Amino acid sequence: MTENEAIQKIQEELVKAESKHPFWPTDILHQIAIVNEESGEATRAALQYQYEKGELKEVQTELIQTAAMCIRMLKNLDL
């Protein structure tokens, strides 16, 4: 996957997530918890790929979702 393809997939995932879950918490701890949840799912997918014959595509999917939530959190930081 190229960088541009990755960015496109992340943007698509962000739009999908914002449409499906329009509410985003206002406090930073709940925001980072969402990011960490997605990161944990990426870790699980990587472990399953490495040790349980999981699919590399699942790792990719979870990384895209994690990146989308990172961007969502960055968009909503009130600096």
PDB file of N, CA and C in Angstrom:
ATOM      1  N   MET A   1       0.854  -1.173   0.000  1.00  0.00           N
ATOM      2  CA  MET A   1       0.000   0.000   0.000  1.00  0.00           C
ATOM      3  C   MET A   1       0.900   1.236   0.000  1.00  0.00           C
ATOM      4  N   THR A   2       0.577   2.173  -0.857  1.00  0.00           N
ATOM      5  CA  THR A   2       1.343   3.413  -0.883  1.00  0.00           C
ATOM      6  C   THR A   2       0.872   4.347   0.231  1.00  0.00           C
ATOM      7  N   GLU A   3       1.656   5.374   0.480  1.00  0.00           N
ATOM      8  CA  GLU A   3       1.274   6.368   1.490  1.00  0.00           C
ATOM      9  C   GLU A   3      -0.057   7.025   1.124  1.00  0.00           C
ATOM     10  N   ASN A   4      -0.209   7.379  -0.132  1.00  0.00           N
ATOM     11  CA  ASN A   4      -1.461   8.019  -0.562  1.00  0.00           C
ATOM     12  C   ASN A   4      -2.653   7.089  -0.408  1.00  0.00           C
ATOM     13  N   GLU A   5      -2.462   5.810  -0.704  1.00  0.00           N
ATOM     14  CA  GLU A   5      -3.544   4.842  -0.523  1.00  0.00           C
ATOM     15  C   GLU A   5      -3.911   4.703   0.951  1.00  0.00           C
ATOM     16  N   ALA A   6      -2.890   4.679   1.805  1.00  0.00           N
ATOM     17  CA  ALA A   6      -3.140   4.573   3.247  1.00  0.00           C
ATOM     18  C   ALA A   6      -3.919   5.783   3.745  1.00  0.00           C
ATOM     19  N   ILE A   7      -3.500   6.964   3.336  1.00  0.00           N
ATOM     20  CA  ILE A   7      -4.180   8.191   3.759  1.00  0.00           C
ATOM     21  C   ILE A   7      -5.626   8.192   3.272  1.00  0.00           C
ATOM     22  N   GLN A   8      -5.844   7.748   2.048  1.00  0.00           N
ATOM     23  CA  GLN A   8      -7.205   7.682   1.506  1.00  0.00           C
ATOM     24  C   GLN A   8      -8.071   6.733   2.327  1.00  0.00           C
ATOM     25  N   LYS A   9      -7.543   5.566   2.658  1.00  0.00           N
ATOM     26  CA  LYS A   9      -8.300   4.589   3.447  1.00  0.00           C
ATOM     27  C   LYS A   9      -8.598   5.125   4.848  1.00  0.00           C
ATOM     28  N   ILE A  10      -7.650   5.828   5.431  1.00  0.00           N
ATOM     29  CA  ILE A  10      -7.857   6.417   6.760  1.00  0.00           C
ATOM     30  C   ILE A  10      -8.945   7.485   6.692  1.00  0.00           C
ATOM     31  N   GLN A  11      -8.902   8.329   5.671  1.00  0.00           N
ATOM     32  CA  GLN A  11      -9.936   9.359   5.511  1.00  0.00           C
ATOM     33  C   GLN A  11     -11.313   8.729   5.322  1.00  0.00           C
ATOM     34  N   GLU A  12     -11.382   7.679   4.534  1.00  0.00           N
ATOM     35  CA  GLU A  12     -12.659   6.985   4.331  1.00  0.00           C
ATOM     36  C   GLU A  12     -13.167   6.395   5.640  1.00  0.00           C
ATOM     37  N   GLU A  13     -12.277   5.810   6.418  1.00  0.00           N
ATOM     38  CA  GLU A  13     -12.663   5.230   7.705  1.00  0.00           C
ATOM     39  C   GLU A  13     -13.131   6.317   8.671  1.00  0.00           C
ATOM     40  N   LEU A  14     -12.477   7.465   8.652  1.00  0.00           N
ATOM     41  CA  LEU A  14     -12.865   8.575   9.516  1.00  0.00           C
ATOM     42  C   LEU A  14     -14.280   9.049   9.184  1.00  0.00           C
ATOM     43  N   VAL A  15     -14.575   9.223   7.916  1.00  0.00           N
ATOM     44  CA  VAL A  15     -15.920   9.641   7.490  1.00  0.00           C
ATOM     45  C   VAL A  15     -16.952   8.605   7.926  1.00  0.00           C
ATOM     46  N   LYS A  16     -16.637   7.342   7.720  1.00  0.00           N
ATOM     47  CA  LYS A  16     -17.541   6.254   8.111  1.00  0.00           C
ATOM     48  C   LYS A  16     -17.790   6.266   9.617  1.00  0.00           C
ATOM     49  N   ALA A  17     -16.741   6.416  10.401  1.00  0.00           N
ATOM     50  CA  ALA A  17     -16.871   6.408  11.865  1.00  0.00           C
ATOM     51  C   ALA A  17     -17.659   7.615  12.357  1.00  0.00           C
ATOM     52  N   GLU A  18     -17.396   8.784  11.780  1.00  0.00           N
ATOM     53  CA  GLU A  18     -18.113   9.989  12.204  1.00  0.00           C
ATOM     54  C   GLU A  18     -19.592   9.910  11.842  1.00  0.00           C
ATOM     55  N   SER A  19     -19.901   9.244  10.753  1.00  0.00           N
ATOM     56  CA  SER A  19     -21.300   9.064  10.364  1.00  0.00           C
ATOM     57  C   SER A  19     -21.998   8.056  11.277  1.00  0.00           C
ATOM     58  N   LYS A  20     -21.313   6.962  11.564  1.00  0.00           N
ATOM     59  CA  LYS A  20     -21.893   5.903  12.391  1.00  0.00           C
ATOM     60  C   LYS A  20     -21.996   6.315  13.854  1.00  0.00           C
ATOM     61  N   HIS A  21     -21.000   7.051  14.338  1.00  0.00           N
ATOM     62  CA  HIS A  21     -20.946   7.490  15.737  1.00  0.00           C
ATOM     63  C   HIS A  21     -20.699   9.004  15.765  1.00  0.00           C
ATOM     64  N   PRO A  22     -21.738   9.802  15.533  1.00  0.00           N
ATOM     65  CA  PRO A  22     -21.530  11.253  15.447  1.00  0.00           C
ATOM     66  C   PRO A  22     -21.082  11.894  16.759  1.00  0.00           C
ATOM     67  N   PHE A  23     -21.443  11.288  17.892  1.00  0.00           N
ATOM     68  CA  PHE A  23     -21.022  11.840  19.180  1.00  0.00           C
ATOM     69  C   PHE A  23     -19.562  11.489  19.430  1.00  0.00           C
ATOM     70  N   TRP A  24     -18.791  12.485  19.839  1.00  0.00           N
ATOM     71  CA  TRP A  24     -17.405  12.276  20.248  1.00  0.00           C
ATOM     72  C   TRP A  24     -17.270  12.881  21.638  1.00  0.00           C
ATOM     73  N   PRO A  25     -16.707  12.133  22.588  1.00  0.00           N
ATOM     74  CA  PRO A  25     -16.624  12.660  23.953  1.00  0.00           C
ATOM     75  C   PRO A  25     -15.806  13.949  24.011  1.00  0.00           C
ATOM     76  N   THR A  26     -16.158  14.785  24.964  1.00  0.00           N
ATOM     77  CA  THR A  26     -15.457  16.063  25.104  1.00  0.00           C
ATOM     78  C   THR A  26     -14.265  15.977  26.046  1.00  0.00           C
ATOM     79  N   ASP A  27     -14.228  14.947  26.880  1.00  0.00           N
ATOM     80  CA  ASP A  27     -13.089  14.871  27.807  1.00  0.00           C
ATOM     81  C   ASP A  27     -11.986  13.988  27.223  1.00  0.00           C
ATOM     82  N   ILE A  28     -10.778  14.408  27.474  1.00  0.00           N
ATOM     83  CA  ILE A  28      -9.603  13.802  26.854  1.00  0.00           C
ATOM     84  C   ILE A  28      -9.401  12.338  27.253  1.00  0.00           C
ATOM     85  N   LEU A  29      -9.797  11.963  28.455  1.00  0.00           N
ATOM     86  CA  LEU A  29      -9.598  10.577  28.888  1.00  0.00           C
ATOM     87  C   LEU A  29     -10.492   9.608  28.123  1.00  0.00           C
ATOM     88  N   HIS A  30     -11.730   9.998  27.867  1.00  0.00           N
ATOM     89  CA  HIS A  30     -12.603   9.130  27.074  1.00  0.00           C
ATOM     90  C   HIS A  30     -12.151   9.098  25.608  1.00  0.00           C
ATOM     91  N   GLN A  31     -11.636  10.212  25.125  1.00  0.00           N
ATOM     92  CA  GLN A  31     -11.121  10.249  23.759  1.00  0.00           C
ATOM     93  C   GLN A  31      -9.945   9.284  23.596  1.00  0.00           C
ATOM     94  N   ILE A  32      -8.983   9.370  24.499  1.00  0.00           N
ATOM     95  CA  ILE A  32      -7.804   8.510  24.378  1.00  0.00           C
ATOM     96  C   ILE A  32      -8.165   7.054  24.633  1.00  0.00           C
ATOM     97  N   ALA A  33      -9.201   6.813  25.426  1.00  0.00           N
ATOM     98  CA  ALA A  33      -9.650   5.435  25.644  1.00  0.00           C
ATOM     99  C   ALA A  33     -10.134   4.814  24.332  1.00  0.00           C
ATOM    100  N   ILE A  34     -10.804   5.604  23.514  1.00  0.00           N
ATOM    101  CA  ILE A  34     -11.258   5.111  22.209  1.00  0.00           C
ATOM    102  C   ILE A  34     -10.056   4.794  21.322  1.00  0.00           C
ATOM    103  N   VAL A  35      -9.079   5.691  21.313  1.00  0.00           N
ATOM    104  CA  VAL A  35      -7.857   5.451  20.542  1.00  0.00           C
ATOM    105  C   VAL A  35      -7.164   4.180  21.036  1.00  0.00           C
ATOM    106  N   ASN A  36      -7.067   4.035  22.352  1.00  0.00           N
ATOM    107  CA  ASN A  36      -6.409   2.858  22.923  1.00  0.00           C
ATOM    108  C   ASN A  36      -7.172   1.576  22.624  1.00  0.00           C
ATOM    109  N   GLU A  37      -8.484   1.651  22.609  1.00  0.00           N
ATOM    110  CA  GLU A  37      -9.281   0.470  22.260  1.00  0.00           C
ATOM    111  C   GLU A  37      -8.936   0.001  20.852  1.00  0.00           C
ATOM    112  N   GLU A  38      -8.876   0.945  19.924  1.00  0.00           N
ATOM    113  CA  GLU A  38      -8.531   0.593  18.544  1.00  0.00           C
ATOM    114  C   GLU A  38      -7.099   0.070  18.453  1.00  0.00           C
ATOM    115  N   SER A  39      -6.198   0.693  19.174  1.00  0.00           N
ATOM    116  CA  SER A  39      -4.806   0.240  19.190  1.00  0.00           C
ATOM    117  C   SER A  39      -4.699  -1.177  19.746  1.00  0.00           C
ATOM    118  N   GLY A  40      -5.470  -1.456  20.779  1.00  0.00           N
ATOM    119  CA  GLY A  40      -5.487  -2.800  21.344  1.00  0.00           C
ATOM    120  C   GLY A  40      -5.983  -3.833  20.345  1.00  0.00           C
ATOM    121  N   GLU A  41      -6.961  -3.446  19.549  1.00  0.00           N
ATOM    122  CA  GLU A  41      -7.470  -4.357  18.522  1.00  0.00           C
ATOM    123  C   GLU A  41      -6.410  -4.599  17.445  1.00  0.00           C
ATOM    124  N   ALA A  42      -5.625  -3.576  17.133  1.00  0.00           N
ATOM    125  CA  ALA A  42      -4.526  -3.748  16.176  1.00  0.00           C
ATOM    126  C   ALA A  42      -3.461  -4.681  16.750  1.00  0.00           C
ATOM    127  N   THR A  43      -3.181  -4.527  18.034  1.00  0.00           N
ATOM    128  CA  THR A  43      -2.213  -5.412  18.692  1.00  0.00           C
ATOM    129  C   THR A  43      -2.704  -6.852  18.672  1.00  0.00           C
ATOM    130  N   ARG A  44      -3.975  -7.043  18.993  1.00  0.00           N
ATOM    131  CA  ARG A  44      -4.547  -8.391  18.972  1.00  0.00           C
ATOM    132  C   ARG A  44      -4.448  -9.000  17.571  1.00  0.00           C
ATOM    133  N   ALA A  45      -4.761  -8.211  16.554  1.00  0.00           N
ATOM    134  CA  ALA A  45      -4.686  -8.713  15.176  1.00  0.00           C
ATOM    135  C   ALA A  45      -3.253  -9.095  14.811  1.00  0.00           C
ATOM    136  N   ALA A  46      -2.285  -8.303  15.261  1.00  0.00           N
ATOM    137  CA  ALA A  46      -0.878  -8.616  14.991  1.00  0.00           C
ATOM    138  C   ALA A  46      -0.458  -9.900  15.702  1.00  0.00           C
ATOM    139  N   LEU A  47      -0.896 -10.059  16.937  1.00  0.00           N
ATOM    140  CA  LEU A  47      -0.587 -11.287  17.678  1.00  0.00           C
ATOM    141  C   LEU A  47      -1.209 -12.504  16.998  1.00  0.00           C
ATOM    142  N   GLN A  48      -2.442 -12.357  16.557  1.00  0.00           N
ATOM    143  CA  GLN A  48      -3.106 -13.468  15.875  1.00  0.00           C
ATOM    144  C   GLN A  48      -2.411 -13.796  14.557  1.00  0.00           C
ATOM    145  N   TYR A  49      -1.943 -12.764  13.868  1.00  0.00           N
ATOM    146  CA  TYR A  49      -1.205 -12.994  12.625  1.00  0.00           C
ATOM    147  C   TYR A  49       0.096 -13.742  12.906  1.00  0.00           C
ATOM    148  N   GLN A  50       0.798 -13.293  13.927  1.00  0.00           N
ATOM    149  CA  GLN A  50       2.110 -13.860  14.244  1.00  0.00           C
ATOM    150  C   GLN A  50       2.026 -15.285  14.779  1.00  0.00           C
ATOM    151  N   TYR A  51       1.067 -15.538  15.652  1.00  0.00           N
ATOM    152  CA  TYR A  51       1.065 -16.800  16.388  1.00  0.00           C
ATOM    153  C   TYR A  51      -0.109 -17.738  16.089  1.00  0.00           C
ATOM    154  N   GLU A  52      -1.147 -17.231  15.440  1.00  0.00           N
ATOM    155  CA  GLU A  52      -2.348 -18.053  15.251  1.00  0.00           C
ATOM    156  C   GLU A  52      -2.810 -18.113  13.796  1.00  0.00           C
ATOM    157  N   LYS A  53      -1.923 -17.800  12.892  1.00  0.00           N
ATOM    158  CA  LYS A  53      -2.244 -17.835  11.458  1.00  0.00           C
ATOM    159  C   LYS A  53      -3.387 -16.889  11.105  1.00  0.00           C
ATOM    160  N   GLY A  54      -3.420 -15.741  11.782  1.00  0.00           N
ATOM    161  CA  GLY A  54      -4.410 -14.722  11.457  1.00  0.00           C
ATOM    162  C   GLY A  54      -4.096 -14.066  10.121  1.00  0.00           C
ATOM    163  N   GLU A  55      -4.980 -13.214   9.691  1.00  0.00           N
ATOM    164  CA  GLU A  55      -4.855 -12.552   8.390  1.00  0.00           C
ATOM    165  C   GLU A  55      -4.146 -11.205   8.521  1.00  0.00           C
ATOM    166  N   LEU A  56      -3.182 -10.961   7.645  1.00  0.00           N
ATOM    167  CA  LEU A  56      -2.491  -9.675   7.628  1.00  0.00           C
ATOM    168  C   LEU A  56      -3.467  -8.552   7.280  1.00  0.00           C
ATOM    169  N   LYS A  57      -4.473  -8.854   6.485  1.00  0.00           N
ATOM    170  CA  LYS A  57      -5.503  -7.865   6.129  1.00  0.00           C
ATOM    171  C   LYS A  57      -6.195  -7.332   7.382  1.00  0.00           C
ATOM    172  N   GLU A  58      -6.382  -8.188   8.384  1.00  0.00           N
ATOM    173  CA  GLU A  58      -7.019  -7.754   9.632  1.00  0.00           C
ATOM    174  C   GLU A  58      -6.126  -6.764  10.376  1.00  0.00           C
ATOM    175  N   VAL A  59      -4.823  -6.981  10.339  1.00  0.00           N
ATOM    176  CA  VAL A  59      -3.886  -6.026  10.948  1.00  0.00           C
ATOM    177  C   VAL A  59      -4.029  -4.679  10.246  1.00  0.00           C
ATOM    178  N   GLN A  60      -4.048  -4.711   8.923  1.00  0.00           N
ATOM    179  CA  GLN A  60      -4.199  -3.483   8.144  1.00  0.00           C
ATOM    180  C   GLN A  60      -5.494  -2.754   8.502  1.00  0.00           C
ATOM    181  N   THR A  61      -6.586  -3.486   8.572  1.00  0.00           N
ATOM    182  CA  THR A  61      -7.887  -2.895   8.901  1.00  0.00           C
ATOM    183  C   THR A  61      -7.852  -2.210  10.259  1.00  0.00           C
ATOM    184  N   GLU A  62      -7.288  -2.883  11.249  1.00  0.00           N
ATOM    185  CA  GLU A  62      -7.242  -2.318  12.600  1.00  0.00           C
ATOM    186  C   GLU A  62      -6.313  -1.111  12.677  1.00  0.00           C
ATOM    187  N   LEU A  63      -5.226  -1.132  11.931  1.00  0.00           N
ATOM    188  CA  LEU A  63      -4.333   0.031  11.908  1.00  0.00           C
ATOM    189  C   LEU A  63      -5.018   1.234  11.268  1.00  0.00           C
ATOM    190  N   ILE A  64      -5.791   1.002  10.233  1.00  0.00           N
ATOM    191  CA  ILE A  64      -6.544   2.087   9.589  1.00  0.00           C
ATOM    192  C   ILE A  64      -7.553   2.670  10.568  1.00  0.00           C
ATOM    193  N   GLN A  65      -8.248   1.817  11.299  1.00  0.00           N
ATOM    194  CA  GLN A  65      -9.216   2.301  12.281  1.00  0.00           C
ATOM    195  C   GLN A  65      -8.529   3.068  13.411  1.00  0.00           C
ATOM    196  N   THR A  66      -7.374   2.597  13.838  1.00  0.00           N
ATOM    197  CA  THR A  66      -6.626   3.299  14.886  1.00  0.00           C
ATOM    198  C   THR A  66      -6.200   4.680  14.401  1.00  0.00           C
ATOM    199  N   ALA A  67      -5.664   4.735  13.197  1.00  0.00           N
ATOM    200  CA  ALA A  67      -5.228   6.019  12.643  1.00  0.00           C
ATOM    201  C   ALA A  67      -6.401   6.986  12.503  1.00  0.00           C
ATOM    202  N   ALA A  68      -7.550   6.476  12.089  1.00  0.00           N
ATOM    203  CA  ALA A  68      -8.734   7.330  11.955  1.00  0.00           C
ATOM    204  C   ALA A  68      -9.138   7.916  13.302  1.00  0.00           C
ATOM    205  N   MET A  69      -9.071   7.113  14.358  1.00  0.00           N
ATOM    206  CA  MET A  69      -9.432   7.620  15.684  1.00  0.00           C
ATOM    207  C   MET A  69      -8.379   8.594  16.212  1.00  0.00           C
ATOM    208  N   CYS A  70      -7.126   8.393  15.853  1.00  0.00           N
ATOM    209  CA  CYS A  70      -6.095   9.372  16.217  1.00  0.00           C
ATOM    210  C   CYS A  70      -6.403  10.720  15.569  1.00  0.00           C
ATOM    211  N   ILE A  71      -6.763  10.694  14.305  1.00  0.00           N
ATOM    212  CA  ILE A  71      -7.108  11.933  13.610  1.00  0.00           C
ATOM    213  C   ILE A  71      -8.361  12.547  14.212  1.00  0.00           C
ATOM    214  N   ARG A  72      -9.334  11.723  14.531  1.00  0.00           N
ATOM    215  CA  ARG A  72     -10.564  12.254  15.129  1.00  0.00           C
ATOM    216  C   ARG A  72     -10.257  12.943  16.451  1.00  0.00           C
ATOM    217  N   MET A  73      -9.400  12.347  17.239  1.00  0.00           N
ATOM    218  CA  MET A  73      -9.033  12.971  18.509  1.00  0.00           C
ATOM    219  C   MET A  73      -8.290  14.282  18.263  1.00  0.00           C
ATOM    220  N   LEU A  74      -7.355  14.271  17.334  1.00  0.00           N
ATOM    221  CA  LEU A  74      -6.619  15.501  17.020  1.00  0.00           C
ATOM    222  C   LEU A  74      -7.557  16.610  16.545  1.00  0.00           C
ATOM    223  N   LYS A  75      -8.543  16.247  15.726  1.00  0.00           N
ATOM    224  CA  LYS A  75      -9.511  17.232  15.234  1.00  0.00           C
ATOM    225  C   LYS A  75     -10.318  17.859  16.364  1.00  0.00           C
ATOM    226  N   ASN A  76     -10.512  17.106  17.432  1.00  0.00           N
ATOM    227  CA  ASN A  76     -11.383  17.553  18.512  1.00  0.00           C
ATOM    228  C   ASN A  76     -10.645  18.068  19.739  1.00  0.00           C
ATOM    229  N   LEU A  77      -9.321  18.119  19.679  1.00  0.00           N
ATOM    230  CA  LEU A  77      -8.584  18.710  20.796  1.00  0.00           C
ATOM    231  C   LEU A  77      -8.876  20.201  20.829  1.00  0.00           C
ATOM    232  N   ASP A  78      -9.176  20.686  21.979  1.00  0.00           N
ATOM    233  CA  ASP A  78      -9.521  22.101  22.122  1.00  0.00           C
ATOM    234  C   ASP A  78      -8.298  22.853  22.631  1.00  0.00           C
ATOM    235  N   LEU A  79      -7.389  23.172  21.714  1.00  0.00           N
ATOM    236  CA  LEU A  79      -6.151  23.871  22.091  1.00  0.00           C
ATOM    237  C   LEU A  79      -6.354  25.369  22.121  1.00  0.00           C
TER     238      LEU A  79
END
